[in-house]
PDB file of N, CA and C in Angstrom:
ATOM      1  N   MET A   1      25.729 -52.107 -17.698  1.00  0.00           N
ATOM      2  CA  MET A   1      26.477 -52.609 -16.557  1.00  0.00           C
ATOM      3  C   MET A   1      27.260 -51.470 -15.915  1.00  0.00           C
ATOM      4  N   ALA A   2      27.230 -51.457 -14.622  1.00  0.00           N
ATOM      5  CA  ALA A   2      28.036 -50.494 -13.871  1.00  0.00           C
ATOM      6  C   ALA A   2      29.264 -51.217 -13.345  1.00  0.00           C
ATOM      7  N   GLN A   3      30.375 -50.527 -13.336  1.00  0.00           N
ATOM      8  CA  GLN A   3      31.589 -51.100 -12.765  1.00  0.00           C
ATOM      9  C   GLN A   3      31.730 -50.617 -11.333  1.00  0.00           C
ATOM     10  N   VAL A   4      31.930 -51.581 -10.437  1.00  0.00           N
ATOM     11  CA  VAL A   4      32.102 -51.289  -9.020  1.00  0.00           C
ATOM     12  C   VAL A   4      33.526 -51.683  -8.651  1.00  0.00           C
ATOM     13  N   LYS A   5      34.306 -50.710  -8.201  1.00  0.00           N
ATOM     14  CA  LYS A   5      35.703 -50.963  -7.834  1.00  0.00           C
ATOM     15  C   LYS A   5      35.786 -51.317  -6.356  1.00  0.00           C
ATOM     16  N   LEU A   6      36.626 -52.318  -6.067  1.00  0.00           N
ATOM     17  CA  LEU A   6      36.835 -52.748  -4.686  1.00  0.00           C
ATOM     18  C   LEU A   6      38.282 -52.518  -4.294  1.00  0.00           C
ATOM     19  N   PHE A   7      38.477 -52.172  -3.042  1.00  0.00           N
ATOM     20  CA  PHE A   7      39.816 -51.883  -2.548  1.00  0.00           C
ATOM     21  C   PHE A   7      40.101 -52.674  -1.277  1.00  0.00           C
ATOM     22  N   GLY A   8      41.391 -52.864  -1.029  1.00  0.00           N
ATOM     23  CA  GLY A   8      41.830 -53.496   0.220  1.00  0.00           C
ATOM     24  C   GLY A   8      41.254 -54.878   0.434  1.00  0.00           C
ATOM     25  N   MET A   9      40.884 -55.139   1.669  1.00  0.00           N
ATOM     26  CA  MET A   9      40.394 -56.460   2.058  1.00  0.00           C
ATOM     27  C   MET A   9      39.077 -56.837   1.391  1.00  0.00           C
ATOM     28  N   LEU A  10      38.374 -55.887   0.811  1.00  0.00           N
ATOM     29  CA  LEU A  10      37.100 -56.198   0.165  1.00  0.00           C
ATOM     30  C   LEU A  10      37.292 -57.133  -1.023  1.00  0.00           C
ATOM     31  N   LYS A  11      38.441 -57.029  -1.688  1.00  0.00           N
ATOM     32  CA  LYS A  11      38.715 -57.914  -2.829  1.00  0.00           C
ATOM     33  C   LYS A  11      38.725 -59.378  -2.403  1.00  0.00           C
ATOM     34  N   THR A  12      39.164 -59.646  -1.177  1.00  0.00           N
ATOM     35  CA  THR A  12      39.218 -61.037  -0.714  1.00  0.00           C
ATOM     36  C   THR A  12      37.826 -61.633  -0.553  1.00  0.00           C
ATOM     37  N   LEU A  13      36.820 -60.786  -0.410  1.00  0.00           N
ATOM     38  CA  LEU A  13      35.447 -61.270  -0.239  1.00  0.00           C
ATOM     39  C   LEU A  13      34.800 -61.663  -1.560  1.00  0.00           C
ATOM     40  N   VAL A  14      35.447 -61.310  -2.670  1.00  0.00           N
ATOM     41  CA  VAL A  14      34.914 -61.637  -3.995  1.00  0.00           C
ATOM     42  C   VAL A  14      35.983 -62.331  -4.839  1.00  0.00           C
ATOM     43  N   ALA A  15      36.707 -63.232  -4.220  1.00  0.00           N
ATOM     44  CA  ALA A  15      37.706 -64.073  -4.895  1.00  0.00           C
ATOM     45  C   ALA A  15      38.825 -63.269  -5.552  1.00  0.00           C
ATOM     46  N   GLY A  16      39.215 -62.161  -4.937  1.00  0.00           N
ATOM     47  CA  GLY A  16      40.355 -61.404  -5.433  1.00  0.00           C
ATOM     48  C   GLY A  16      40.077 -60.472  -6.591  1.00  0.00           C
ATOM     49  N   VAL A  17      38.829 -60.358  -6.992  1.00  0.00           N
ATOM     50  CA  VAL A  17      38.465 -59.482  -8.103  1.00  0.00           C
ATOM     51  C   VAL A  17      38.468 -58.034  -7.612  1.00  0.00           C
ATOM     52  N   ASN A  18      38.992 -57.118  -8.434  1.00  0.00           N
ATOM     53  CA  ASN A  18      38.982 -55.722  -7.990  1.00  0.00           C
ATOM     54  C   ASN A  18      37.939 -54.858  -8.690  1.00  0.00           C
ATOM     55  N   ILE A  19      37.276 -55.400  -9.718  1.00  0.00           N
ATOM     56  CA  ILE A  19      36.172 -54.685 -10.372  1.00  0.00           C
ATOM     57  C   ILE A  19      35.042 -55.674 -10.629  1.00  0.00           C
ATOM     58  N   LEU A  20      33.843 -55.298 -10.185  1.00  0.00           N
ATOM     59  CA  LEU A  20      32.651 -56.105 -10.432  1.00  0.00           C
ATOM     60  C   LEU A  20      31.780 -55.397 -11.458  1.00  0.00           C
ATOM     61  N   ASP A  21      31.262 -56.143 -12.419  1.00  0.00           N
ATOM     62  CA  ASP A  21      30.284 -55.602 -13.358  1.00  0.00           C
ATOM     63  C   ASP A  21      28.902 -55.951 -12.831  1.00  0.00           C
ATOM     64  N   MET A  22      28.131 -54.925 -12.499  1.00  0.00           N
ATOM     65  CA  MET A  22      26.809 -55.131 -11.913  1.00  0.00           C
ATOM     66  C   MET A  22      25.747 -54.487 -12.799  1.00  0.00           C
ATOM     67  N   PRO A  23      24.676 -55.237 -13.113  1.00  0.00           N
ATOM     68  CA  PRO A  23      23.588 -54.633 -13.884  1.00  0.00           C
ATOM     69  C   PRO A  23      22.843 -53.607 -13.035  1.00  0.00           C
ATOM     70  N   LEU A  24      22.440 -52.513 -13.652  1.00  0.00           N
ATOM     71  CA  LEU A  24      21.667 -51.471 -12.971  1.00  0.00           C
ATOM     72  C   LEU A  24      20.404 -51.181 -13.763  1.00  0.00           C
ATOM     73  N   ALA A  25      19.283 -51.158 -13.074  1.00  0.00           N
ATOM     74  CA  ALA A  25      18.036 -50.748 -13.708  1.00  0.00           C
ATOM     75  C   ALA A  25      18.014 -49.223 -13.794  1.00  0.00           C
ATOM     76  N   ASP A  26      17.217 -48.689 -14.710  1.00  0.00           N
ATOM     77  CA  ASP A  26      17.061 -47.235 -14.784  1.00  0.00           C
ATOM     78  C   ASP A  26      16.561 -46.718 -13.449  1.00  0.00           C
ATOM     79  N   GLY A  27      17.171 -45.655 -12.962  1.00  0.00           N
ATOM     80  CA  GLY A  27      16.755 -45.066 -11.696  1.00  0.00           C
ATOM     81  C   GLY A  27      17.244 -45.800 -10.463  1.00  0.00           C
ATOM     82  N   ALA A  28      18.148 -46.759 -10.646  1.00  0.00           N
ATOM     83  CA  ALA A  28      18.666 -47.525  -9.502  1.00  0.00           C
ATOM     84  C   ALA A  28      19.375 -46.594  -8.526  1.00  0.00           C
ATOM     85  N   GLN A  29      19.266 -46.939  -7.259  1.00  0.00           N
ATOM     86  CA  GLN A  29      19.912 -46.174  -6.203  1.00  0.00           C
ATOM     87  C   GLN A  29      20.963 -47.044  -5.526  1.00  0.00           C
ATOM     88  N   VAL A  30      21.775 -46.417  -4.693  1.00  0.00           N
ATOM     89  CA  VAL A  30      22.814 -47.155  -3.970  1.00  0.00           C
ATOM     90  C   VAL A  30      22.204 -48.330  -3.213  1.00  0.00           C
ATOM     91  N   LYS A  31      21.051 -48.129  -2.587  1.00  0.00           N
ATOM     92  CA  LYS A  31      20.432 -49.218  -1.824  1.00  0.00           C
ATOM     93  C   LYS A  31      20.104 -50.412  -2.724  1.00  0.00           C
ATOM     94  N   ASP A  32      19.754 -50.172  -3.993  1.00  0.00           N
ATOM     95  CA  ASP A  32      19.480 -51.266  -4.927  1.00  0.00           C
ATOM     96  C   ASP A  32      20.764 -52.022  -5.261  1.00  0.00           C
ATOM     97  N   LEU A  33      21.843 -51.290  -5.421  1.00  0.00           N
ATOM     98  CA  LEU A  33      23.140 -51.918  -5.672  1.00  0.00           C
ATOM     99  C   LEU A  33      23.550 -52.774  -4.481  1.00  0.00           C
ATOM    100  N   VAL A  34      23.363 -52.258  -3.280  1.00  0.00           N
ATOM    101  CA  VAL A  34      23.705 -53.008  -2.066  1.00  0.00           C
ATOM    102  C   VAL A  34      22.891 -54.298  -2.001  1.00  0.00           C
ATOM    103  N   ASP A  35      21.606 -54.227  -2.314  1.00  0.00           N
ATOM    104  CA  ASP A  35      20.763 -55.428  -2.311  1.00  0.00           C
ATOM    105  C   ASP A  35      21.269 -56.453  -3.322  1.00  0.00           C
ATOM    106  N   ALA A  36      21.651 -55.996  -4.513  1.00  0.00           N
ATOM    107  CA  ALA A  36      22.163 -56.905  -5.544  1.00  0.00           C
ATOM    108  C   ALA A  36      23.487 -57.528  -5.117  1.00  0.00           C
ATOM    109  N   LEU A  37      24.346 -56.735  -4.500  1.00  0.00           N
ATOM    110  CA  LEU A  37      25.622 -57.269  -4.016  1.00  0.00           C
ATOM    111  C   LEU A  37      25.394 -58.283  -2.901  1.00  0.00           C
ATOM    112  N   TYR A  38      24.404 -58.042  -2.058  1.00  0.00           N
ATOM    113  CA  TYR A  38      24.098 -58.971  -0.965  1.00  0.00           C
ATOM    114  C   TYR A  38      23.702 -60.345  -1.516  1.00  0.00           C
ATOM    115  N   VAL A  39      22.947 -60.351  -2.600  1.00  0.00           N
ATOM    116  CA  VAL A  39      22.517 -61.620  -3.205  1.00  0.00           C
ATOM    117  C   VAL A  39      23.720 -62.388  -3.748  1.00  0.00           C
ATOM    118  N   GLN A  40      24.626 -61.705  -4.437  1.00  0.00           N
ATOM    119  CA  GLN A  40      25.771 -62.377  -5.055  1.00  0.00           C
ATOM    120  C   GLN A  40      26.930 -62.608  -4.095  1.00  0.00           C
ATOM    121  N   TYR A  41      27.122 -61.688  -3.179  1.00  0.00           N
ATOM    122  CA  TYR A  41      28.261 -61.747  -2.251  1.00  0.00           C
ATOM    123  C   TYR A  41      27.760 -61.408  -0.846  1.00  0.00           C
ATOM    124  N   PRO A  42      27.141 -62.377  -0.169  1.00  0.00           N
ATOM    125  CA  PRO A  42      26.487 -62.099   1.120  1.00  0.00           C
ATOM    126  C   PRO A  42      27.383 -61.439   2.166  1.00  0.00           C
ATOM    127  N   THR A  43      28.625 -61.845   2.273  1.00  0.00           N
ATOM    128  CA  THR A  43      29.500 -61.253   3.289  1.00  0.00           C
ATOM    129  C   THR A  43      29.753 -59.782   2.982  1.00  0.00           C
ATOM    130  N   LEU A  44      30.050 -59.474   1.743  1.00  0.00           N
ATOM    131  CA  LEU A  44      30.244 -58.087   1.328  1.00  0.00           C
ATOM    132  C   LEU A  44      28.954 -57.294   1.522  1.00  0.00           C
ATOM    133  N   GLY A  45      27.844 -57.871   1.101  1.00  0.00           N
ATOM    134  CA  GLY A  45      26.555 -57.198   1.249  1.00  0.00           C
ATOM    135  C   GLY A  45      26.217 -56.893   2.693  1.00  0.00           C
ATOM    136  N   GLU A  46      26.541 -57.817   3.580  1.00  0.00           N
ATOM    137  CA  GLU A  46      26.266 -57.601   5.001  1.00  0.00           C
ATOM    138  C   GLU A  46      27.101 -56.443   5.545  1.00  0.00           C
ATOM    139  N   LEU A  47      28.360 -56.364   5.153  1.00  0.00           N
ATOM    140  CA  LEU A  47      29.199 -55.236   5.583  1.00  0.00           C
ATOM    141  C   LEU A  47      28.627 -53.907   5.083  1.00  0.00           C
ATOM    142  N   LEU A  48      28.115 -53.915   3.866  1.00  0.00           N
ATOM    143  CA  LEU A  48      27.496 -52.705   3.322  1.00  0.00           C
ATOM    144  C   LEU A  48      26.233 -52.343   4.094  1.00  0.00           C
ATOM    145  N   ARG A  49      25.408 -53.343   4.375  1.00  0.00           N
ATOM    146  CA  ARG A  49      24.169 -53.087   5.117  1.00  0.00           C
ATOM    147  C   ARG A  49      24.451 -52.569   6.522  1.00  0.00           C
ATOM    148  N   GLN A  50      25.534 -53.026   7.113  1.00  0.00           N
ATOM    149  CA  GLN A  50      25.902 -52.563   8.451  1.00  0.00           C
ATOM    150  C   GLN A  50      26.651 -51.226   8.402  1.00  0.00           C
ATOM    151  N   LYS A  51      26.830 -50.715   7.199  1.00  0.00           N
ATOM    152  CA  LYS A  51      27.529 -49.441   6.959  1.00  0.00           C
ATOM    153  C   LYS A  51      28.965 -49.468   7.472  1.00  0.00           C
ATOM    154  N   LYS A  52      29.580 -50.644   7.355  1.00  0.00           N
ATOM    155  CA  LYS A  52      30.996 -50.779   7.697  1.00  0.00           C
ATOM    156  C   LYS A  52      31.878 -50.567   6.474  1.00  0.00           C
ATOM    157  N   VAL A  53      31.237 -50.448   5.325  1.00  0.00           N
ATOM    158  CA  VAL A  53      31.925 -50.174   4.061  1.00  0.00           C
ATOM    159  C   VAL A  53      31.287 -48.913   3.481  1.00  0.00           C
ATOM    160  N   VAL A  54      32.111 -48.017   2.987  1.00  0.00           N
ATOM    161  CA  VAL A  54      31.621 -46.758   2.428  1.00  0.00           C
ATOM    162  C   VAL A  54      31.454 -46.907   0.918  1.00  0.00           C
ATOM    163  N   VAL A  55      30.335 -46.400   0.410  1.00  0.00           N
ATOM    164  CA  VAL A  55      30.102 -46.374  -1.032  1.00  0.00           C
ATOM    165  C   VAL A  55      30.427 -44.966  -1.530  1.00  0.00           C
ATOM    166  N   SER A  56      31.269 -44.917  -2.540  1.00  0.00           N
ATOM    167  CA  SER A  56      31.655 -43.648  -3.152  1.00  0.00           C
ATOM    168  C   SER A  56      31.140 -43.637  -4.592  1.00  0.00           C
ATOM    169  N   VAL A  57      30.523 -42.531  -4.976  1.00  0.00           N
ATOM    170  CA  VAL A  57      30.058 -42.357  -6.354  1.00  0.00           C
ATOM    171  C   VAL A  57      30.695 -41.081  -6.889  1.00  0.00           C
ATOM    172  N   ASN A  58      31.458 -41.240  -7.947  1.00  0.00           N
ATOM    173  CA  ASN A  58      32.178 -40.111  -8.554  1.00  0.00           C
ATOM    174  C   ASN A  58      33.033 -39.385  -7.519  1.00  0.00           C
ATOM    175  N   GLN A  59      33.706 -40.175  -6.702  1.00  0.00           N
ATOM    176  CA  GLN A  59      34.664 -39.711  -5.698  1.00  0.00           C
ATOM    177  C   GLN A  59      34.037 -38.883  -4.577  1.00  0.00           C
ATOM    178  N   GLU A  60      32.743 -39.121  -4.327  1.00  0.00           N
ATOM    179  CA  GLU A  60      32.066 -38.496  -3.197  1.00  0.00           C
ATOM    180  C   GLU A  60      31.303 -39.569  -2.434  1.00  0.00           C
ATOM    181  N   ILE A  61      31.264 -39.425  -1.111  1.00  0.00           N
ATOM    182  CA  ILE A  61      30.525 -40.374  -0.291  1.00  0.00           C
ATOM    183  C   ILE A  61      29.061 -40.346  -0.714  1.00  0.00           C
ATOM    184  N   ALA A  62      28.498 -41.535  -0.939  1.00  0.00           N
ATOM    185  CA  ALA A  62      27.115 -41.637  -1.407  1.00  0.00           C
ATOM    186  C   ALA A  62      26.191 -42.055  -0.270  1.00  0.00           C
ATOM    187  N   HIS A  63      24.935 -41.680  -0.411  1.00  0.00           N
ATOM    188  CA  HIS A  63      23.896 -42.070   0.534  1.00  0.00           C
ATOM    189  C   HIS A  63      23.045 -43.157  -0.111  1.00  0.00           C
ATOM    190  N   TRP A  64      22.244 -43.839   0.678  1.00  0.00           N
ATOM    191  CA  TRP A  64      21.410 -44.932   0.171  1.00  0.00           C
ATOM    192  C   TRP A  64      20.504 -44.475  -0.969  1.00  0.00           C
ATOM    193  N   GLU A  65      20.075 -43.212  -0.945  1.00  0.00           N
ATOM    194  CA  GLU A  65      19.135 -42.711  -1.944  1.00  0.00           C
ATOM    195  C   GLU A  65      19.819 -42.117  -3.175  1.00  0.00           C
ATOM    196  N   THR A  66      21.137 -42.133  -3.221  1.00  0.00           N
ATOM    197  CA  THR A  66      21.858 -41.590  -4.375  1.00  0.00           C
ATOM    198  C   THR A  66      21.512 -42.401  -5.622  1.00  0.00           C
ATOM    199  N   THR A  67      21.080 -41.718  -6.674  1.00  0.00           N
ATOM    200  CA  THR A  67      20.748 -42.378  -7.935  1.00  0.00           C
ATOM    201  C   THR A  67      22.032 -42.668  -8.702  1.00  0.00           C
ATOM    202  N   LEU A  68      22.074 -43.847  -9.303  1.00  0.00           N
ATOM    203  CA  LEU A  68      23.269 -44.299 -10.018  1.00  0.00           C
ATOM    204  C   LEU A  68      23.041 -44.323 -11.522  1.00  0.00           C
ATOM    205  N   ALA A  69      24.113 -44.103 -12.259  1.00  0.00           N
ATOM    206  CA  ALA A  69      24.111 -44.252 -13.714  1.00  0.00           C
ATOM    207  C   ALA A  69      25.269 -45.173 -14.079  1.00  0.00           C
ATOM    208  N   GLU A  70      25.145 -45.856 -15.209  1.00  0.00           N
ATOM    209  CA  GLU A  70      26.199 -46.787 -15.615  1.00  0.00           C
ATOM    210  C   GLU A  70      27.537 -46.088 -15.812  1.00  0.00           C
ATOM    211  N   SER A  71      27.517 -44.810 -16.106  1.00  0.00           N
ATOM    212  CA  SER A  71      28.762 -44.072 -16.333  1.00  0.00           C
ATOM    213  C   SER A  71      29.413 -43.592 -15.035  1.00  0.00           C
ATOM    214  N   ASP A  72      28.741 -43.766 -13.898  1.00  0.00           N
ATOM    215  CA  ASP A  72      29.301 -43.324 -12.618  1.00  0.00           C
ATOM    216  C   ASP A  72      30.516 -44.150 -12.234  1.00  0.00           C
ATOM    217  N   GLU A  73      31.436 -43.515 -11.531  1.00  0.00           N
ATOM    218  CA  GLU A  73      32.562 -44.232 -10.934  1.00  0.00           C
ATOM    219  C   GLU A  73      32.119 -44.641  -9.529  1.00  0.00           C
ATOM    220  N   ILE A  74      31.896 -45.931  -9.350  1.00  0.00           N
ATOM    221  CA  ILE A  74      31.408 -46.457  -8.074  1.00  0.00           C
ATOM    222  C   ILE A  74      32.542 -47.226  -7.414  1.00  0.00           C
ATOM    223  N   ALA A  75      32.788 -46.920  -6.160  1.00  0.00           N
ATOM    224  CA  ALA A  75      33.858 -47.601  -5.427  1.00  0.00           C
ATOM    225  C   ALA A  75      33.356 -47.988  -4.046  1.00  0.00           C
ATOM    226  N   LEU A  76      33.822 -49.134  -3.578  1.00  0.00           N
ATOM    227  CA  LEU A  76      33.535 -49.587  -2.220  1.00  0.00           C
ATOM    228  C   LEU A  76      34.822 -49.462  -1.426  1.00  0.00           C
ATOM    229  N   LEU A  77      34.748 -48.717  -0.351  1.00  0.00           N
ATOM    230  CA  LEU A  77      35.938 -48.417   0.441  1.00  0.00           C
ATOM    231  C   LEU A  77      35.869 -49.144   1.775  1.00  0.00           C
ATOM    232  N   PRO A  78      36.896 -49.925   2.086  1.00  0.00           N
ATOM    233  CA  PRO A  78      36.901 -50.673   3.343  1.00  0.00           C
ATOM    234  C   PRO A  78      37.096 -49.738   4.530  1.00  0.00           C
ATOM    235  N   PRO A  79      36.825 -50.255   5.718  1.00  0.00           N
ATOM    236  CA  PRO A  79      37.086 -49.442   6.905  1.00  0.00           C
ATOM    237  C   PRO A  79      38.562 -49.073   6.966  1.00  0.00           C
ATOM    238  N   PHE A  80      38.824 -47.883   7.403  1.00  0.00           N
ATOM    239  CA  PHE A  80      40.208 -47.453   7.559  1.00  0.00           C
ATOM    240  C   PHE A  80      40.287 -46.580   8.799  1.00  0.00           C
ATOM    241  N   ALA A  81      41.463 -46.461   9.297  1.00  0.00           N
ATOM    242  CA  ALA A  81      41.660 -45.665  10.510  1.00  0.00           C
ATOM    243  C   ALA A  81      42.766 -44.658  10.270  1.00  0.00           C
ATOM    244  N   GLY A  82      42.621 -43.571  10.906  1.00  0.00           N
ATOM    245  CA  GLY A  82      43.664 -42.562  10.865  1.00  0.00           C
ATOM    246  C   GLY A  82      44.195 -42.405  12.271  1.00  0.00           C
ATOM    247  N   GLY A  83      45.105 -41.584  12.414  1.00  0.00           N
ATOM    248  CA  GLY A  83      45.607 -41.403  13.761  1.00  0.00           C
ATOM    249  C   GLY A  83      46.643 -40.308  13.821  1.00  0.00           C
ATOM    250  N   ALA A  84      46.968 -40.024  15.018  1.00  0.00           N
ATOM    251  CA  ALA A  84      47.994 -39.007  15.209  1.00  0.00           C
ATOM    252  C   ALA A  84      48.895 -39.430  16.342  1.00  0.00           C
TER     253      ALA A  84
END
C-alpha cells in the first residue's frame, strides 16, 4: 500500500481524511494512481485528470509517467496562488 497525503480543500473531497492508503501494482505510474483515485473518489480524480491538482513524489512535482514505489512520499497539492 502506498500512502497518499492530501492537503487543504482536497481533504473535504474524501470525508476529511488526510492520508489515503492506495494499493499499487509493481511498476505503477502516477497515471495509474490517478485512475484508481478516480474510481474511489470521482471528484478528486476529475481534478487530477484536469491537472488542477499537483502530484508530488518525494517532494518533487511528478509527471504522469513517473513510476511509483510503496516507499515513496506521495502528496496531492491543491491549487494555490501567490502574489505580490
